Each structure stands twice: as structure tokens, then as C-alpha cells.
Amino acid sequence: MPRGRAVTAVLVTPAAQACAFVLGCAVIHAARAHAEILTRLLGAAAVAAAVLVLLVASMDYAPEPDETFDEVSVYAAS
């Protein structure tokens, strides 16, 4: 079992995620009067995040400059 600084390092990420979640909830609660605008903003952010995830995933599967890009090599690589 980790002790001392190791425990602190292990707990930093979950604590930061929990704080970000609570902050997001507080912002959404405070912006109740502007629900329509907030909904559009969050929807646009979700679409942008999905596009970025797909872009990064496509870059991971892209061939190197010296490789070919045909159906057989793409199928064999996956």
C-alpha cells in the first residue's frame, strides 16, 4: 500500500476531477436563468470534444509517410 507522498499523488487526479464536477454543477445551477444558451453551449462543446477524439483516433491509425494506404494494409493493421 502506498504511503505519504505516493498516496497524495494517487489522490490528486480523482480529487481534481471531483472538484471540476462540483464546479460545473455550481455553474449550471447559477446559470438556470440562461438555460437555452447554456444548453446550446454545452451541446457545441460536446460536438467539439467528439470531433477532437475522432481526429486523434484517426491520427493513431494513419499510415506513416513511407507506408501504403490501401484496403488490405488498413485491414491488416487493425
N, C-alpha and C. Protein backbone atom coordinates (compact mmCIF):
# COMPACT_ATOMS: atom_id res chain seq x y z
N MET A 1 0.84 -1.19 0.00
CA MET A 1 0.00 0.00 0.00
C MET A 1 0.89 1.25 0.00
N PRO A 2 0.59 2.24 -0.87
CA PRO A 2 1.41 3.45 -0.93
C PRO A 2 1.25 4.29 0.34
N ARG A 3 2.32 5.00 0.68
CA ARG A 3 2.30 5.86 1.87
C ARG A 3 2.83 7.24 1.54
N GLY A 4 2.45 8.19 2.37
CA GLY A 4 2.99 9.54 2.29
C GLY A 4 2.69 10.22 0.97
N ARG A 5 3.75 10.64 0.27
CA ARG A 5 3.60 11.37 -0.98
C ARG A 5 2.96 10.53 -2.07
N ALA A 6 3.16 9.21 -2.04
CA ALA A 6 2.56 8.34 -3.04
C ALA A 6 1.03 8.38 -2.95
N VAL A 7 0.52 8.40 -1.73
CA VAL A 7 -0.94 8.49 -1.54
C VAL A 7 -1.44 9.82 -2.07
N THR A 8 -0.71 10.89 -1.79
CA THR A 8 -1.12 12.20 -2.27
C THR A 8 -1.13 12.24 -3.79
N ALA A 9 -0.12 11.68 -4.42
CA ALA A 9 -0.06 11.67 -5.89
C ALA A 9 -1.19 10.85 -6.48
N VAL A 10 -1.54 9.76 -5.83
CA VAL A 10 -2.61 8.90 -6.34
C VAL A 10 -3.96 9.59 -6.23
N LEU A 11 -4.14 10.42 -5.21
CA LEU A 11 -5.44 11.05 -4.98
C LEU A 11 -5.62 12.39 -5.68
N VAL A 12 -4.57 12.93 -6.27
CA VAL A 12 -4.67 14.25 -6.89
C VAL A 12 -5.65 14.25 -8.06
N THR A 13 -5.53 13.30 -8.97
CA THR A 13 -6.38 13.29 -10.16
C THR A 13 -7.86 13.08 -9.81
N PRO A 14 -8.22 12.09 -8.99
CA PRO A 14 -9.64 11.96 -8.65
C PRO A 14 -10.19 13.18 -7.91
N ALA A 15 -9.38 13.78 -7.06
CA ALA A 15 -9.83 14.97 -6.33
C ALA A 15 -10.05 16.13 -7.29
N ALA A 16 -9.15 16.31 -8.25
CA ALA A 16 -9.31 17.38 -9.23
C ALA A 16 -10.55 17.14 -10.09
N GLN A 17 -10.80 15.89 -10.47
CA GLN A 17 -12.00 15.58 -11.26
C GLN A 17 -13.27 15.85 -10.45
N ALA A 18 -13.26 15.50 -9.19
CA ALA A 18 -14.43 15.76 -8.34
C ALA A 18 -14.66 17.25 -8.18
N CYS A 19 -13.58 18.01 -8.00
CA CYS A 19 -13.72 19.46 -7.87
C CYS A 19 -14.23 20.09 -9.16
N ALA A 20 -13.75 19.63 -10.30
CA ALA A 20 -14.22 20.15 -11.58
C ALA A 20 -15.69 19.82 -11.79
N PHE A 21 -16.11 18.63 -11.38
CA PHE A 21 -17.52 18.25 -11.50
C PHE A 21 -18.41 19.14 -10.63
N VAL A 22 -17.99 19.35 -9.39
CA VAL A 22 -18.78 20.20 -8.48
C VAL A 22 -18.82 21.63 -8.99
N LEU A 23 -17.71 22.13 -9.50
CA LEU A 23 -17.69 23.48 -10.06
C LEU A 23 -18.62 23.57 -11.26
N GLY A 24 -18.62 22.55 -12.11
CA GLY A 24 -19.53 22.54 -13.25
C GLY A 24 -20.99 22.53 -12.82
N CYS A 25 -21.29 21.75 -11.80
CA CYS A 25 -22.67 21.73 -11.28
C CYS A 25 -23.07 23.09 -10.73
N ALA A 26 -22.15 23.75 -10.03
CA ALA A 26 -22.44 25.07 -9.48
C ALA A 26 -22.68 26.10 -10.58
N VAL A 27 -21.88 26.02 -11.65
CA VAL A 27 -22.05 26.95 -12.76
C VAL A 27 -23.39 26.70 -13.45
N ILE A 28 -23.73 25.46 -13.68
CA ILE A 28 -25.02 25.15 -14.30
C ILE A 28 -26.18 25.60 -13.42
N HIS A 29 -26.06 25.39 -12.12
CA HIS A 29 -27.12 25.82 -11.19
C HIS A 29 -27.24 27.34 -11.20
N ALA A 30 -26.11 28.04 -11.23
CA ALA A 30 -26.16 29.51 -11.21
C ALA A 30 -26.70 30.07 -12.53
N ALA A 31 -26.57 29.33 -13.61
CA ALA A 31 -27.00 29.82 -14.92
C ALA A 31 -28.37 29.29 -15.32
N ARG A 32 -29.20 28.93 -14.34
CA ARG A 32 -30.53 28.40 -14.65
C ARG A 32 -31.36 29.36 -15.48
N ALA A 33 -31.19 30.64 -15.25
CA ALA A 33 -31.99 31.63 -15.98
C ALA A 33 -31.63 31.65 -17.47
N HIS A 34 -30.45 31.17 -17.79
CA HIS A 34 -29.99 31.18 -19.18
C HIS A 34 -29.87 29.75 -19.71
N ALA A 35 -30.87 28.94 -19.44
CA ALA A 35 -30.83 27.52 -19.77
C ALA A 35 -30.70 27.28 -21.28
N GLU A 36 -31.39 28.06 -22.08
CA GLU A 36 -31.35 27.87 -23.54
C GLU A 36 -29.94 28.08 -24.09
N ILE A 37 -29.32 29.16 -23.68
CA ILE A 37 -27.96 29.47 -24.15
C ILE A 37 -26.98 28.43 -23.63
N LEU A 38 -27.12 28.06 -22.36
CA LEU A 38 -26.22 27.08 -21.76
C LEU A 38 -26.36 25.72 -22.44
N THR A 39 -27.57 25.34 -22.80
CA THR A 39 -27.79 24.07 -23.49
C THR A 39 -27.09 24.07 -24.85
N ARG A 40 -27.21 25.16 -25.58
CA ARG A 40 -26.53 25.26 -26.88
C ARG A 40 -25.02 25.24 -26.71
N LEU A 41 -24.51 25.92 -25.70
CA LEU A 41 -23.08 25.96 -25.45
C LEU A 41 -22.54 24.57 -25.09
N LEU A 42 -23.24 23.87 -24.21
CA LEU A 42 -22.81 22.53 -23.81
C LEU A 42 -22.92 21.54 -24.98
N GLY A 43 -23.93 21.69 -25.79
CA GLY A 43 -24.07 20.84 -26.98
C GLY A 43 -22.93 21.06 -27.96
N ALA A 44 -22.58 22.32 -28.18
CA ALA A 44 -21.46 22.63 -29.07
C ALA A 44 -20.15 22.09 -28.50
N ALA A 45 -19.98 22.20 -27.19
CA ALA A 45 -18.76 21.67 -26.56
C ALA A 45 -18.69 20.15 -26.69
N ALA A 46 -19.82 19.47 -26.57
CA ALA A 46 -19.84 18.01 -26.71
C ALA A 46 -19.50 17.59 -28.14
N VAL A 47 -20.03 18.31 -29.12
CA VAL A 47 -19.72 18.00 -30.52
C VAL A 47 -18.24 18.26 -30.79
N ALA A 48 -17.72 19.37 -30.29
CA ALA A 48 -16.30 19.68 -30.50
C ALA A 48 -15.41 18.63 -29.84
N ALA A 49 -15.77 18.18 -28.65
CA ALA A 49 -14.98 17.15 -27.97
C ALA A 49 -15.01 15.84 -28.76
N ALA A 50 -16.18 15.48 -29.30
CA ALA A 50 -16.29 14.26 -30.10
C ALA A 50 -15.44 14.35 -31.37
N VAL A 51 -15.44 15.50 -32.01
CA VAL A 51 -14.63 15.69 -33.22
C VAL A 51 -13.15 15.57 -32.88
N LEU A 52 -12.73 16.16 -31.77
CA LEU A 52 -11.32 16.07 -31.38
C LEU A 52 -10.92 14.63 -31.05
N VAL A 53 -11.79 13.89 -30.38
CA VAL A 53 -11.49 12.49 -30.07
C VAL A 53 -11.35 11.68 -31.35
N LEU A 54 -12.26 11.88 -32.30
CA LEU A 54 -12.17 11.16 -33.58
C LEU A 54 -10.94 11.57 -34.38
N LEU A 55 -10.57 12.83 -34.31
CA LEU A 55 -9.37 13.29 -35.01
C LEU A 55 -8.12 12.62 -34.45
N VAL A 56 -8.01 12.57 -33.14
CA VAL A 56 -6.85 11.92 -32.51
C VAL A 56 -6.84 10.43 -32.83
N ALA A 57 -8.01 9.79 -32.80
CA ALA A 57 -8.08 8.36 -33.12
C ALA A 57 -7.68 8.11 -34.57
N SER A 58 -8.10 8.97 -35.47
CA SER A 58 -7.73 8.77 -36.88
C SER A 58 -6.24 8.98 -37.09
N MET A 59 -5.64 9.87 -36.34
CA MET A 59 -4.20 10.09 -36.47
C MET A 59 -3.41 8.89 -35.94
N ASP A 60 -3.96 8.19 -34.96
CA ASP A 60 -3.29 7.00 -34.45
C ASP A 60 -3.27 5.88 -35.48
N TYR A 61 -4.31 5.79 -36.31
CA TYR A 61 -4.40 4.73 -37.31
C TYR A 61 -3.88 5.15 -38.68
N ALA A 62 -3.46 6.39 -38.83
CA ALA A 62 -2.95 6.86 -40.12
C ALA A 62 -1.62 6.19 -40.42
N PRO A 63 -1.37 5.88 -41.69
CA PRO A 63 -0.09 5.25 -42.04
C PRO A 63 1.06 6.26 -41.95
N GLU A 64 2.24 5.73 -41.74
CA GLU A 64 3.44 6.56 -41.73
C GLU A 64 3.73 7.02 -43.16
N PRO A 65 4.57 8.03 -43.34
CA PRO A 65 4.83 8.55 -44.70
C PRO A 65 5.36 7.50 -45.68
N ASP A 66 6.09 6.51 -45.19
CA ASP A 66 6.66 5.51 -46.09
C ASP A 66 5.76 4.29 -46.26
N GLU A 67 4.61 4.26 -45.65
CA GLU A 67 3.69 3.13 -45.76
C GLU A 67 2.63 3.40 -46.83
N THR A 68 2.02 2.32 -47.31
CA THR A 68 0.94 2.47 -48.28
C THR A 68 -0.40 2.56 -47.54
N PHE A 69 -1.37 3.08 -48.23
CA PHE A 69 -2.70 3.22 -47.66
C PHE A 69 -3.70 2.59 -48.61
N ASP A 70 -3.90 1.28 -48.46
CA ASP A 70 -4.91 0.60 -49.26
C ASP A 70 -5.75 -0.26 -48.31
N GLU A 71 -6.79 -0.87 -48.84
CA GLU A 71 -7.72 -1.61 -48.00
C GLU A 71 -7.06 -2.77 -47.28
N VAL A 72 -6.17 -3.46 -47.93
CA VAL A 72 -5.54 -4.63 -47.34
C VAL A 72 -4.64 -4.23 -46.16
N SER A 73 -3.81 -3.22 -46.35
CA SER A 73 -2.91 -2.81 -45.26
C SER A 73 -3.67 -2.21 -44.10
N VAL A 74 -4.73 -1.48 -44.37
CA VAL A 74 -5.52 -0.89 -43.29
C VAL A 74 -6.23 -1.98 -42.51
N TYR A 75 -6.80 -2.97 -43.21
CA TYR A 75 -7.49 -4.06 -42.54
C TYR A 75 -6.49 -4.90 -41.72
N ALA A 76 -5.32 -5.16 -42.25
CA ALA A 76 -4.34 -5.96 -41.56
C ALA A 76 -3.79 -5.26 -40.33
N ALA A 77 -3.70 -3.94 -40.37
CA ALA A 77 -3.18 -3.17 -39.24
C ALA A 77 -4.16 -3.10 -38.08
N SER A 78 -5.44 -3.24 -38.36
CA SER A 78 -6.43 -3.13 -37.28
C SER A 78 -6.76 -4.49 -36.77
